[in-house]
Every structure is written in C-alpha cells, then in structure tokens.
C-alpha atoms as a PDB file:
ATOM      1  CA  MET A   1      10.583 -11.020   0.348  1.00  0.00           C
ATOM      2  CA  GLY A   2      13.641  -8.961  -0.583  1.00  0.00           C
ATOM      3  CA  LYS A   3      15.353  -6.145  -0.180  1.00  0.00           C
ATOM      4  CA  LEU A   4      14.138  -2.943  -2.283  1.00  0.00           C
ATOM      5  CA  THR A   5      17.184  -0.455  -3.025  1.00  0.00           C
ATOM      6  CA  THR A   6      17.280   2.740  -4.332  1.00  0.00           C
ATOM      7  CA  LYS A   7      17.429   1.920  -7.664  1.00  0.00           C
ATOM      8  CA  GLY A   8      14.962  -1.161  -7.229  1.00  0.00           C
ATOM      9  CA  GLU A   9      12.863   1.697  -6.054  1.00  0.00           C
ATOM     10  CA  GLN A  10      13.257   4.000  -8.934  1.00  0.00           C
ATOM     11  CA  ARG A  11      12.588   1.389 -11.556  1.00  0.00           C
ATOM     12  CA  ILE A  12       9.661  -0.081 -10.037  1.00  0.00           C
ATOM     13  CA  TRP A  13       8.361   3.748  -9.973  1.00  0.00           C
ATOM     14  CA  ILE A  14       9.440   4.299 -13.475  1.00  0.00           C
ATOM     15  CA  LEU A  15       7.270   1.078 -14.431  1.00  0.00           C
ATOM     16  CA  SER A  16       4.220   2.009 -12.524  1.00  0.00           C
ATOM     17  CA  ILE A  17       4.194   5.499 -14.031  1.00  0.00           C
ATOM     18  CA  PHE A  18       4.538   3.796 -17.705  1.00  0.00           C
ATOM     19  CA  LEU A  19       1.548   1.555 -17.293  1.00  0.00           C
ATOM     20  CA  PHE A  20      -0.097   4.390 -15.316  1.00  0.00           C
ATOM     21  CA  LEU A  21       0.094   6.103 -18.591  1.00  0.00           C
ATOM     22  CA  VAL A  22      -0.619   3.429 -21.151  1.00  0.00           C
ATOM     23  CA  THR A  23      -3.803   2.928 -18.786  1.00  0.00           C
ATOM     24  CA  LEU A  24      -4.420   6.613 -19.232  1.00  0.00           C
ATOM     25  CA  VAL A  25      -4.326   6.300 -22.830  1.00  0.00           C
ATOM     26  CA  ILE A  26      -7.182   3.399 -22.779  1.00  0.00           C
ATOM     27  CA  SER A  27      -9.104   5.528 -19.903  1.00  0.00           C
ATOM     28  CA  LEU A  28     -10.140   8.330 -23.026  1.00  0.00           C
ATOM     29  CA  PHE A  29     -12.237   5.673 -24.696  1.00  0.00           C
ATOM     30  CA  PHE A  30     -14.233   4.997 -21.419  1.00  0.00           C
ATOM     31  CA  TYR A  31     -13.964   8.858 -20.381  1.00  0.00           C
ATOM     32  CA  SER A  32     -14.736  10.746 -23.709  1.00  0.00           C
ATOM     33  CA  PRO A  33     -18.227   9.771 -23.938  1.00  0.00           C
ATOM     34  CA  VAL A  34     -19.041  10.534 -20.189  1.00  0.00           C
ATOM     35  CA  ILE A  35     -17.577  13.242 -20.642  1.00  0.00           C
ATOM     36  CA  GLN A  36     -19.722  14.732 -23.888  1.00  0.00           C
ATOM     37  CA  HIS A  37     -22.823  12.909 -22.196  1.00  0.00           C
ATOM     38  CA  ILE A  38     -22.253  15.388 -18.787  1.00  0.00           C
ATOM     39  CA  VAL A  39     -21.942  18.564 -21.185  1.00  0.00           C
ATOM     40  CA  GLU A  40     -24.533  17.497 -23.669  1.00  0.00           C
ATOM     41  CA  ARG A  41     -27.229  16.460 -20.871  1.00  0.00           C
ATOM     42  CA  THR A  42     -26.987  19.268 -17.973  1.00  0.00           C
ATOM     43  CA  GLU A  43     -30.777  19.246 -17.964  1.00  0.00           C
ATOM     44  CA  PRO A  44     -33.838  17.211 -18.411  1.00  0.00           C
ATOM     45  CA  VAL A  45     -34.913  16.901 -22.581  1.00  0.00           C
ATOM     46  CA  TYR A  46     -38.135  19.103 -22.854  1.00  0.00           C
ATOM     47  CA  PRO A  47     -40.462  18.429 -24.644  1.00  0.00           C
ATOM     48  CA  PRO A  48     -40.111  15.308 -22.716  1.00  0.00           C
ATOM     49  CA  ILE A  49     -39.202  11.819 -24.755  1.00  0.00           C
ATOM     50  CA  GLU A  50     -39.035   8.413 -23.284  1.00  0.00           C
ATOM     51  CA  ASN A  51     -36.138   7.213 -22.124  1.00  0.00           C
ATOM     52  CA  ASP A  52     -34.670  10.773 -21.401  1.00  0.00           C
ATOM     53  CA  PRO A  53     -30.985  10.880 -21.614  1.00  0.00           C
ATOM     54  CA  TYR A  54     -30.570  13.151 -18.366  1.00  0.00           C
ATOM     55  CA  LEU A  55     -31.162   9.652 -16.730  1.00  0.00           C
ATOM     56  CA  PHE A  56     -28.808   7.677 -18.515  1.00  0.00           C
ATOM     57  CA  THR A  57     -26.102   5.556 -16.007  1.00  0.00           C
ATOM     58  CA  ILE A  58     -22.544   5.056 -16.092  1.00  0.00           C
ATOM     59  CA  ARG A  59     -22.844   1.730 -18.077  1.00  0.00           C
ATOM     60  CA  GLU A  60     -25.331   2.880 -20.130  1.00  0.00           C
ATOM     61  CA  VAL A  61     -23.081   5.837 -21.373  1.00  0.00           C
ATOM     62  CA  SER A  62     -19.138   4.542 -21.351  1.00  0.00           C
ATOM     63  CA  LEU A  63     -20.333   0.447 -21.409  1.00  0.00           C
ATOM     64  CA  ASP A  64     -17.815  -1.126 -24.247  1.00  0.00           C
ATOM     65  CA  PRO A  65     -18.925  -2.337 -27.371  1.00  0.00           C
ATOM     66  CA  ILE A  66     -17.145  -5.657 -27.235  1.00  0.00           C
ATOM     67  CA  PHE A  67     -17.822  -7.543 -24.118  1.00  0.00           C
ATOM     68  CA  LYS A  68     -20.774  -5.277 -23.001  1.00  0.00           C
ATOM     69  CA  PHE A  69     -19.293  -5.557 -19.223  1.00  0.00           C
ATOM     70  CA  PHE A  70     -16.059  -3.075 -18.901  1.00  0.00           C
ATOM     71  CA  ASP A  71     -17.051   0.905 -18.294  1.00  0.00           C
ATOM     72  CA  VAL A  72     -15.400   3.654 -17.134  1.00  0.00           C
ATOM     73  CA  LEU A  73     -15.498   2.362 -13.141  1.00  0.00           C
ATOM     74  CA  ASP A  74     -13.448  -0.537 -14.480  1.00  0.00           C
ATOM     75  CA  ILE A  75     -10.966   1.593 -15.897  1.00  0.00           C
ATOM     76  CA  THR A  76     -10.618   4.228 -13.234  1.00  0.00           C
ATOM     77  CA  VAL A  77      -9.969   1.804 -10.746  1.00  0.00           C
ATOM     78  CA  LEU A  78      -7.254  -0.196 -12.992  1.00  0.00           C
ATOM     79  CA  LEU A  79      -5.629   3.437 -13.817  1.00  0.00           C
ATOM     80  CA  ALA A  80      -5.176   3.864  -9.762  1.00  0.00           C
ATOM     81  CA  LEU A  81      -3.995   0.176  -9.091  1.00  0.00           C
ATOM     82  CA  ALA A  82      -1.277   0.435 -12.538  1.00  0.00           C
ATOM     83  CA  LEU A  83       0.143   3.580 -10.388  1.00  0.00           C
ATOM     84  CA  LEU A  84       0.108   1.954  -6.970  1.00  0.00           C
ATOM     85  CA  LEU A  85      -0.319  -2.045  -6.885  1.00  0.00           C
ATOM     86  CA  ILE A  86       3.651  -2.583  -8.224  1.00  0.00           C
ATOM     87  CA  PRO A  87       5.338   0.039  -5.223  1.00  0.00           C
ATOM     88  CA  ALA A  88       2.609  -1.461  -2.669  1.00  0.00           C
ATOM     89  CA  LEU A  89       3.750  -5.317  -3.166  1.00  0.00           C
ATOM     90  CA  ALA A  90       7.559  -4.003  -3.332  1.00  0.00           C
ATOM     91  CA  TYR A  91       7.730  -1.885  -0.196  1.00  0.00           C
ATOM     92  CA  HIS A  92       5.341  -4.411   1.550  1.00  0.00           C
ATOM     93  CA  SER A  93       8.294  -7.353   0.985  1.00  0.00           C
ATOM     94  CA  ASN A  94      11.034  -4.919   1.511  1.00  0.00           C
ATOM     95  CA  GLN A  95       9.014  -4.099   5.116  1.00  0.00           C
ATOM     96  CA  LYS A  96       8.666  -7.974   5.711  1.00  0.00           C
ATOM     97  CA  TRP A  97      12.250  -8.484   5.147  1.00  0.00           C
ATOM     98  CA  ARG A  98      13.600  -5.970   7.370  1.00  0.00           C
ATOM     99  CA  ASP A  99      11.119  -7.097   9.863  1.00  0.00           C
ATOM    100  CA  ASN A 100      12.632 -10.723   9.404  1.00  0.00           C
ATOM    101  CA  ILE A 101      16.422  -9.433   9.868  1.00  0.00           C
ATOM    102  CA  ASP A 102      15.646  -7.324  13.232  1.00  0.00           C
ATOM    103  CA  ASP A 103      13.831 -10.625  14.205  1.00  0.00           C
ATOM    104  CA  HIS A 104      16.873 -13.140  13.841  1.00  0.00           C
ATOM    105  CA  ILE A 105      19.656 -10.376  15.295  1.00  0.00           C
ATOM    106  CA  PRO A 106      19.077 -11.500  18.864  1.00  0.00           C
ATOM    107  CA  SER A 107      19.562 -15.187  18.281  1.00  0.00           C
ATOM    108  CA  LEU A 108      22.726 -14.057  16.261  1.00  0.00           C
ATOM    109  CA  LEU A 109      23.738 -12.167  19.221  1.00  0.00           C
ATOM    110  CA  ARG A 110      23.203 -15.154  21.793  1.00  0.00           C
ATOM    111  CA  GLU A 111      24.744 -17.914  19.029  1.00  0.00           C
ATOM    112  CA  ILE A 112      28.202 -15.326  18.885  1.00  0.00           C
ATOM    113  CA  SER A 113      28.318 -15.474  22.828  1.00  0.00           C
ATOM    114  CA  ASP A 114      28.060 -18.617  23.357  1.00  0.00           C
ATOM    115  CA  ALA A 115      30.772 -19.456  20.715  1.00  0.00           C
ATOM    116  CA  GLN A 116      32.866 -17.185  22.643  1.00  0.00           C
ATOM    117  CA  LYS A 117      31.881 -18.918  26.076  1.00  0.00           C
ATOM    118  CA  THR A 118      33.747 -22.123  24.474  1.00  0.00           C
ATOM    119  CA  GLY A 119      37.133 -19.782  23.956  1.00  0.00           C
ATOM    120  CA  LEU A 120      36.673 -18.909  20.280  1.00  0.00           C
ATOM    121  CA  PRO A 121      37.476 -15.316  19.060  1.00  0.00           C
ATOM    122  CA  LEU A 122      34.651 -13.515  17.781  1.00  0.00           C
ATOM    123  CA  PRO A 123      35.382 -13.694  13.677  1.00  0.00           C
ATOM    124  CA  ARG A 124      35.277 -17.371  14.576  1.00  0.00           C
ATOM    125  CA  ALA A 125      32.564 -16.998  16.316  1.00  0.00           C
ATOM    126  CA  ILE A 126      30.919 -14.771  13.745  1.00  0.00           C
ATOM    127  CA  MET A 127      32.055 -17.416  10.782  1.00  0.00           C
ATOM    128  CA  GLU A 128      30.683 -20.209  12.908  1.00  0.00           C
ATOM    129  CA  SER A 129      27.257 -18.660  14.082  1.00  0.00           C
ATOM    130  CA  SER A 130      26.829 -18.663  10.363  1.00  0.00           C
ATOM    131  CA  LYS A 131      26.183 -22.208   9.660  1.00  0.00           C
ATOM    132  CA  HIS A 132      23.014 -21.525  11.372  1.00  0.00           C
ATOM    133  CA  GLN A 133      19.406 -20.193  10.238  1.00  0.00           C
ATOM    134  CA  TYR A 134      18.551 -16.639  10.451  1.00  0.00           C
ATOM    135  CA  GLY A 135      16.119 -16.057   7.985  1.00  0.00           C
ATOM    136  CA  ALA A 136      16.685 -13.289   5.608  1.00  0.00           C
ATOM    137  CA  LEU A 137      19.763 -12.609   7.628  1.00  0.00           C
ATOM    138  CA  THR A 138      20.858 -15.465   6.648  1.00  0.00           C
ATOM    139  CA  PRO A 139      22.604 -15.305   3.443  1.00  0.00           C
ATOM    140  CA  GLU A 140      24.080 -11.585   4.060  1.00  0.00           C
ATOM    141  CA  LEU A 141      25.761 -13.453   7.346  1.00  0.00           C
ATOM    142  CA  LYS A 142      27.281 -16.341   4.942  1.00  0.00           C
ATOM    143  CA  LYS A 143      28.494 -13.859   2.572  1.00  0.00           C
ATOM    144  CA  MET A 144      30.516 -12.212   5.454  1.00  0.00           C
ATOM    145  CA  ALA A 145      31.962 -15.129   6.733  1.00  0.00           C
ATOM    146  CA  ALA A 146      33.332 -15.975   3.474  1.00  0.00           C
ATOM    147  CA  LYS A 147      34.968 -12.512   3.276  1.00  0.00           C
ATOM    148  CA  ILE A 148      36.724 -13.140   6.511  1.00  0.00           C
ATOM    149  CA  SER A 149      37.683 -16.910   5.341  1.00  0.00           C
ATOM    150  CA  TRP A 150      39.132 -14.885   2.778  1.00  0.00           C
ATOM    151  CA  GLY A 151      41.302 -12.771   4.742  1.00  0.00           C
ATOM    152  CA  ILE A 152      39.403  -9.623   4.722  1.00  0.00           C
ATOM    153  CA  PRO A 153      39.514  -7.211   8.041  1.00  0.00           C
ATOM    154  CA  PHE A 154      36.882  -8.051  10.384  1.00  0.00           C
ATOM    155  CA  SER A 155      35.301  -4.838  10.728  1.00  0.00           C
ATOM    156  CA  LYS A 156      35.298  -4.050   7.027  1.00  0.00           C
ATOM    157  CA  ALA A 157      33.151  -7.588   6.238  1.00  0.00           C
ATOM    158  CA  LEU A 158      30.874  -6.231   9.025  1.00  0.00           C
ATOM    159  CA  ARG A 159      30.578  -2.806   7.608  1.00  0.00           C
ATOM    160  CA  SER A 160      29.673  -4.500   4.705  1.00  0.00           C
ATOM    161  CA  LEU A 161      27.169  -7.129   5.943  1.00  0.00           C
ATOM    162  CA  THR A 162      25.677  -3.087   7.340  1.00  0.00           C
ATOM    163  CA  GLU A 163      25.099  -2.406   4.135  1.00  0.00           C
ATOM    164  CA  THR A 164      23.383  -4.622   2.899  1.00  0.00           C
ATOM    165  CA  ALA A 165      21.484  -5.505   6.031  1.00  0.00           C
ATOM    166  CA  ASP A 166      20.860  -1.961   6.598  1.00  0.00           C
ATOM    167  CA  THR A 167      17.954  -1.734   8.969  1.00  0.00           C
ATOM    168  CA  PRO A 168      18.425   0.607  11.893  1.00  0.00           C
ATOM    169  CA  LEU A 169      18.656  -1.991  14.666  1.00  0.00           C
ATOM    170  CA  MET A 170      21.368  -3.941  12.710  1.00  0.00           C
ATOM    171  CA  LYS A 171      23.299  -0.780  12.316  1.00  0.00           C
ATOM    172  CA  ARG A 172      23.096  -0.447  16.138  1.00  0.00           C
ATOM    173  CA  THR A 173      24.192  -3.966  16.386  1.00  0.00           C
ATOM    174  CA  SER A 174      27.013  -3.565  13.701  1.00  0.00           C
ATOM    175  CA  LEU A 175      28.621  -1.042  15.914  1.00  0.00           C
ATOM    176  CA  LEU A 176      28.067  -2.254  19.310  1.00  0.00           C
ATOM    177  CA  ILE A 177      30.001  -5.495  17.705  1.00  0.00           C
ATOM    178  CA  LEU A 178      32.789  -3.190  16.224  1.00  0.00           C
ATOM    179  CA  GLU A 179      33.035  -1.526  19.555  1.00  0.00           C
ATOM    180  CA  ALA A 180      33.109  -4.809  21.290  1.00  0.00           C
ATOM    181  CA  GLU A 181      36.317  -6.197  19.634  1.00  0.00           C
ATOM    182  CA  ARG A 182      38.041  -3.031  19.898  1.00  0.00           C
ATOM    183  CA  SER A 183      37.718  -2.550  23.590  1.00  0.00           C
ATOM    184  CA  GLY A 184      38.875  -6.607  23.810  1.00  0.00           C
ATOM    185  CA  GLY A 185      37.507  -7.877  27.783  1.00  0.00           C
ATOM    186  CA  ALA A 186      35.012  -9.859  28.264  1.00  0.00           C
ATOM    187  CA  ILE A 187      33.136  -9.601  25.012  1.00  0.00           C
ATOM    188  CA  GLU A 188      30.883 -12.648  25.745  1.00  0.00           C
ATOM    189  CA  ASP A 189      29.343 -10.502  28.453  1.00  0.00           C
ATOM    190  CA  VAL A 190      28.945  -7.491  26.076  1.00  0.00           C
ATOM    191  CA  PHE A 191      26.643  -9.824  23.530  1.00  0.00           C
ATOM    192  CA  GLU A 192      24.775 -11.064  26.291  1.00  0.00           C
ATOM    193  CA  SER A 193      23.964  -7.483  27.562  1.00  0.00           C
ATOM    194  CA  ALA A 194      23.141  -6.837  23.835  1.00  0.00           C
ATOM    195  CA  HIS A 195      20.836  -9.789  23.145  1.00  0.00           C
ATOM    196  CA  ASN A 196      19.008  -8.868  26.023  1.00  0.00           C
ATOM    197  CA  HIS A 197      18.650  -4.996  24.945  1.00  0.00           C
ATOM    198  CA  VAL A 198      17.493  -5.510  21.510  1.00  0.00           C
ATOM    199  CA  SER A 199      15.403  -8.433  22.557  1.00  0.00           C
ATOM    200  CA  GLU A 200      13.614  -5.636  24.962  1.00  0.00           C
ATOM    201  CA  ILE A 201      14.080  -3.180  21.879  1.00  0.00           C
ATOM    202  CA  LEU A 202      12.109  -5.824  19.664  1.00  0.00           C
ATOM    203  CA  GLY A 203       9.460  -6.074  22.319  1.00  0.00           C
ATOM    204  CA  LEU A 204       8.695  -2.433  22.443  1.00  0.00           C
ATOM    205  CA  LYS A 205       8.308  -2.091  18.971  1.00  0.00           C
ATOM    206  CA  ARG A 206       5.885  -5.285  18.621  1.00  0.00           C
ATOM    207  CA  GLU A 207       3.729  -3.645  21.639  1.00  0.00           C
ATOM    208  CA  ARG A 208       3.596  -0.373  19.625  1.00  0.00           C
ATOM    209  CA  LEU A 209       2.195  -2.006  16.976  1.00  0.00           C
ATOM    210  CA  SER A 210      -0.154  -4.137  18.856  1.00  0.00           C
ATOM    211  CA  ALA A 211      -1.551  -0.872  20.288  1.00  0.00           C
ATOM    212  CA  MET A 212      -1.403   0.900  16.732  1.00  0.00           C
ATOM    213  CA  LYS A 213      -3.274  -1.600  15.181  1.00  0.00           C
ATOM    214  CA  PRO A 214      -6.753  -1.208  16.376  1.00  0.00           C
ATOM    215  CA  TYR A 215      -6.572   2.640  14.480  1.00  0.00           C
ATOM    216  CA  THR A 216      -5.868   0.676  11.291  1.00  0.00           C
ATOM    217  CA  TRP A 217      -9.133  -1.166  11.708  1.00  0.00           C
ATOM    218  CA  ILE A 218     -10.505   2.349  12.851  1.00  0.00           C
ATOM    219  CA  ILE A 219      -9.649   3.723   9.651  1.00  0.00           C
ATOM    220  CA  TYR A 220     -10.972   0.785   7.383  1.00  0.00           C
ATOM    221  CA  ALA A 221     -14.194   0.686   9.445  1.00  0.00           C
ATOM    222  CA  SER A 222     -14.565   4.818   9.123  1.00  0.00           C
ATOM    223  CA  PHE A 223     -13.955   4.075   5.140  1.00  0.00           C
ATOM    224  CA  ILE A 224     -16.501   1.245   4.619  1.00  0.00           C
ATOM    225  CA  VAL A 225     -18.950   3.731   6.633  1.00  0.00           C
ATOM    226  CA  PHE A 226     -18.136   6.675   4.402  1.00  0.00           C
ATOM    227  CA  ALA A 227     -18.495   4.512   1.170  1.00  0.00           C
ATOM    228  CA  ILE A 228     -21.862   3.220   2.522  1.00  0.00           C
ATOM    229  CA  VAL A 229     -23.393   6.874   3.097  1.00  0.00           C
ATOM    230  CA  MET A 230     -22.090   8.210   0.129  1.00  0.00           C
ATOM    231  CA  ILE A 231     -23.776   5.593  -1.925  1.00  0.00           C
ATOM    232  CA  ILE A 232     -27.263   6.082   0.198  1.00  0.00           C
ATOM    233  CA  LEU A 233     -26.851   9.834  -0.717  1.00  0.00           C
ATOM    234  CA  LEU A 234     -26.257   8.829  -4.175  1.00  0.00           C
ATOM    235  CA  TYR A 235     -29.183   6.713  -5.009  1.00  0.00           C
ATOM    236  CA  SER A 236     -31.188   7.554  -2.197  1.00  0.00           C
ATOM    237  CA  PHE A 237     -31.207  11.369  -2.842  1.00  0.00           C
ATOM    238  CA  PHE A 238     -29.320  12.675  -5.476  1.00  0.00           C
ATOM    239  CA  GLN A 239     -30.822   9.900  -8.503  1.00  0.00           C
ATOM    240  CA  THR A 240     -34.356   9.989  -6.973  1.00  0.00           C
ATOM    241  CA  LEU A 241     -34.088  13.472  -6.992  1.00  0.00           C
ATOM    242  CA  ALA A 242     -33.116  13.357 -10.637  1.00  0.00           C
ATOM    243  CA  VAL A 243     -36.192  11.513 -11.412  1.00  0.00           C
ATOM    244  CA  GLN A 244     -38.292  13.539  -9.725  1.00  0.00           C
ATOM    245  CA  ILE A 245     -36.878  16.619 -11.623  1.00  0.00           C
ATOM    246  CA  VAL A 246     -37.612  14.516 -15.181  1.00  0.00           C
ATOM    247  CA  ASP A 247     -41.040  13.426 -14.159  1.00  0.00           C
ATOM    248  CA  ALA A 248     -41.696  17.403 -13.132  1.00  0.00           C
ATOM    249  CA  VAL A 249     -40.716  18.560 -16.347  1.00  0.00           C
ATOM    250  CA  SER A 250     -42.626  15.734 -18.495  1.00  0.00           C
ATOM    251  CA  ALA A 251     -45.778  16.841 -16.492  1.00  0.00           C
ATOM    252  CA  GLY A 252     -44.862  20.434 -17.486  1.00  0.00           C
ATOM    253  CA  GLN A 253     -45.626  21.371 -13.575  1.00  0.00           C
ATOM    254  CA  VAL A 254     -41.678  23.320 -14.294  1.00  0.00           C
ATOM    255  CA  ALA A 255     -40.197  24.372 -17.182  1.00  0.00           C
ATOM    256  CA  THR A 256     -36.965  23.201 -16.693  1.00  0.00           C
ATOM    257  CA  ALA A 257     -35.066  22.339 -13.650  1.00  0.00           C
ATOM    258  CA  LYS A 258     -31.552  20.426 -13.302  1.00  0.00           C
ATOM    259  CA  LEU A 259     -28.775  19.374 -10.337  1.00  0.00           C
ATOM    260  CA  PRO A 260     -25.334  20.056 -11.087  1.00  0.00           C
ATOM    261  CA  SER A 261     -25.113  17.077 -13.084  1.00  0.00           C
ATOM    262  CA  ASN A 262     -26.585  14.069 -14.887  1.00  0.00           C
ATOM    263  CA  VAL A 263     -27.316  10.791 -13.211  1.00  0.00           C
ATOM    264  CA  ALA A 264     -23.891   9.575 -14.786  1.00  0.00           C
ATOM    265  CA  GLY A 265     -22.022  12.737 -13.820  1.00  0.00           C
ATOM    266  CA  LEU A 266     -23.461  12.310 -10.358  1.00  0.00           C
ATOM    267  CA  GLN A 267     -22.228   8.486 -10.018  1.00  0.00           C
ATOM    268  CA  LEU A 268     -18.650   9.319 -11.772  1.00  0.00           C
ATOM    269  CA  LEU A 269     -18.232  11.752  -9.380  1.00  0.00           C
ATOM    270  CA  PHE A 270     -19.055  10.163  -5.789  1.00  0.00           C
ATOM    271  CA  PHE A 271     -16.745   7.171  -7.553  1.00  0.00           C
ATOM    272  CA  HIS A 272     -13.846   9.774  -8.220  1.00  0.00           C
ATOM    273  CA  LEU A 273     -14.307  10.617  -4.304  1.00  0.00           C
ATOM    274  CA  MET A 274     -14.432   7.343  -3.088  1.00  0.00           C
ATOM    275  CA  ILE A 275     -11.413   6.426  -4.835  1.00  0.00           C
ATOM    276  CA  ILE A 276      -9.687   9.739  -3.574  1.00  0.00           C
ATOM    277  CA  GLU A 277     -10.330   8.899   0.000  1.00  0.00           C
ATOM    278  CA  ALA A 278      -9.294   5.003  -0.561  1.00  0.00           C
ATOM    279  CA  ILE A 279      -6.074   6.179  -1.486  1.00  0.00           C
ATOM    280  CA  PHE A 280      -5.581   8.518   1.583  1.00  0.00           C
ATOM    281  CA  ALA A 281      -7.364   6.401   4.252  1.00  0.00           C
ATOM    282  CA  GLY A 282      -4.667   3.483   3.528  1.00  0.00           C
ATOM    283  CA  LEU A 283      -1.249   5.807   3.419  1.00  0.00           C
ATOM    284  CA  ILE A 284      -2.809   7.088   6.664  1.00  0.00           C
ATOM    285  CA  SER A 285      -3.164   3.865   7.678  1.00  0.00           C
ATOM    286  CA  GLY A 286       0.253   2.612   7.073  1.00  0.00           C
ATOM    287  CA  LYS A 287       1.636   5.932   8.842  1.00  0.00           C
ATOM    288  CA  MET A 288      -0.302   5.325  12.344  1.00  0.00           C
ATOM    289  CA  GLY A 289      -0.435   1.449  12.131  1.00  0.00           C
ATOM    290  CA  GLU A 290       3.313   1.085  10.938  1.00  0.00           C
ATOM    291  CA  GLY A 291       5.007   3.950  11.290  1.00  0.00           C
ATOM    292  CA  ASP A 292       5.263   4.677   6.918  1.00  0.00           C
ATOM    293  CA  ALA A 293       3.110   6.023   4.766  1.00  0.00           C
ATOM    294  CA  LYS A 294       4.542   3.900   1.879  1.00  0.00           C
ATOM    295  CA  ILE A 295       3.618   0.856   3.788  1.00  0.00           C
ATOM    296  CA  GLY A 296       0.012   2.174   3.110  1.00  0.00           C
ATOM    297  CA  LEU A 297      -0.160   1.637  -0.439  1.00  0.00           C
ATOM    298  CA  ARG A 298      -1.020  -1.871   0.276  1.00  0.00           C
ATOM    299  CA  HIS A 299      -4.157  -0.635   2.437  1.00  0.00           C
ATOM    300  CA  SER A 300      -5.022   1.991  -0.333  1.00  0.00           C
ATOM    301  CA  CYS A 301      -5.362  -1.196  -2.864  1.00  0.00           C
ATOM    302  CA  ILE A 302      -7.306  -2.893  -0.527  1.00  0.00           C
ATOM    303  CA  LEU A 303      -9.380   0.112  -0.068  1.00  0.00           C
ATOM    304  CA  LEU A 304      -9.704   0.622  -3.625  1.00  0.00           C
ATOM    305  CA  ILE A 305     -10.778  -3.118  -4.280  1.00  0.00           C
ATOM    306  CA  ILE A 306     -13.688  -2.476  -1.571  1.00  0.00           C
ATOM    307  CA  SER A 307     -14.786   0.956  -3.052  1.00  0.00           C
ATOM    308  CA  TYR A 308     -15.035  -0.112  -6.778  1.00  0.00           C
ATOM    309  CA  ALA A 309     -16.711  -3.422  -5.248  1.00  0.00           C
ATOM    310  CA  PHE A 310     -19.138  -1.581  -3.806  1.00  0.00           C
ATOM    311  CA  PHE A 311     -19.800   0.737  -6.351  1.00  0.00           C
ATOM    312  CA  LYS A 312     -20.233  -1.598  -8.893  1.00  0.00           C
ATOM    313  CA  ILE A 313     -22.595  -3.748  -7.205  1.00  0.00           C
ATOM    314  CA  THR A 314     -24.977  -0.467  -6.631  1.00  0.00           C
ATOM    315  CA  VAL A 315     -24.830   0.142 -10.025  1.00  0.00           C
ATOM    316  CA  LEU A 316     -25.320  -3.034 -11.100  1.00  0.00           C
ATOM    317  CA  LEU A 317     -28.419  -3.453  -9.139  1.00  0.00           C
ATOM    318  CA  PHE A 318     -29.398   0.232  -9.398  1.00  0.00           C
END
C-alpha cells in the first residue's frame, strides 16, 4: 500500500510496455505457425487424408517443442498480463492508500478538537495528535509535526502535508484547518463540526460503493455467461460443423466446402474475443463500482485469468 506519484505512474507504464514488447517478440514464435496454418489450410484437403490438418487444434499447431505444454493461448494471456498486471497492482495499492488516509481524517479531527478543549493552541494540538496512529496518515502527520517543531510556519507545514497526502478530502480538510486558524475564535467547535461533516461524507461514500457493488458482480456474471456461450458456440457448432465438412468432402458428397477459418483459426478468434471482452468488462466494472476505470485494471486481470482457464480447459478436453 503506497502512494503512486506521476513519475511513478510513468515508470510503471514504461516497465509494463517494455515487458509487453519482450513478450510480444516471444509470442511471434507461437503465432507464426498458427497464422501460417490458418492461411494454408483454408479448406479440407482433397483427396481426403487421415487426420486432416483442417481439424488441427491450437495445441497441435503451436505447442512448444521443449516442454510440450505451452501454446499460443498461454503466450496471449501472458502478453495481456505483461501490459496490465503491474499498473493494476499499482493503482490498487494507491487507491487503498488514499482510502486509508480518508478513513482516518475524522479521528484526526476529533483528536485535534479534544486537544484544543484542554487549552492547547492549534499547532501544539496537531503535534500532540501526531503521536497517535492514523494508518497511512501517520508518517505524513509526523513529518508535519517535525516541521512545526523546527520553526516552519504552521500554514506552510500544512500545505506540505496536503501535497503529499493529496486526497480530495484531505485537501478540503486542510483548507478548513487553515481558515479556522486564520479566523480564530472557538476553533474546537469548528473541528467538531468538521469531524461530523467528514464522517457524513465518508458514510455517503461507503453507501454509494455498497450500492454499486452488485453491478460489479453483474459484470462478472455477464462475462462468465458470455464465455460459456462462446465456448458452446465454438465446440458445439463451429467445430462440429468443421468435422461434418471434412466428412462430407471425404465421402465425395461435396467437391469443396469450408468455414471462414479452420479449427485452429476459429479457436484463436474466439479466444481473442474473450480476451478483449475481459479487458473492457474489467474497466467498466472499475468505473461503475469505484468511479475510476484505472482501478478496474485489476478486474480486467482477474477476468483474463478466468477466460484463460475456461478456454484452456476446453481445449485440453476437446
């Protein structure tokens, strides 16, 4: 759990793109035979032969020669994860860090208010409050207290805190503290009201997230239904039709017949459709559930793994 800066975000994407390009180069060794097979085997062989290449599956075309396990499906999902997994983890960690800071702001305001009720001035009240634990806010608050003890003006130290703990709620709270210090008077009452206000905001945020949570599961369920339908179409219709075409050509019932692609090409097409659906479904899930599509990258990674597992199992079985 940690903050993601602009420079850190840039480094993460540069690393992800580099890993993506490396994986892309490796994937060419798996894609080349598949593409060549798709181009060359556009229709059943005539006169008929045993084990017509038109019916070859992905594994028969692109299985690696060393381990005899990895195929183009494996490298495709690795290609997608190489680009998305690191940013997904970084955005998820950053969001947890921000949520942790926001969750502890009411406790901080309460501590400051209680300290002021004992007669402590605002800077001293914040220094005393920094001795308590506020999750991810604690190290930033200790830095601010240290700056105040070194003689740095309170307003400057608070602005420095806002620059590091830069959540929207923290920024609004900092502005409130600065205005309260500038106006004077019964500041402890201002902090008491601020505590209640921030608590209400967080409560509304939790209610919104709870209300939107079912939509995230609906997207997951919709994707699983989509994946099942795609697999049923592939293996119960298209692959069965390909076998019937080969049988018809072999029996001399038709001179030639073909589908838009052979079995390996159909498998690759359907798998890529599932991969694209997984990525966009995850982004939509993040936007709907948490208000940020970037947070949805982790959902995209999860759906990628689900689609890969579905397809890999069916390829091995059929």
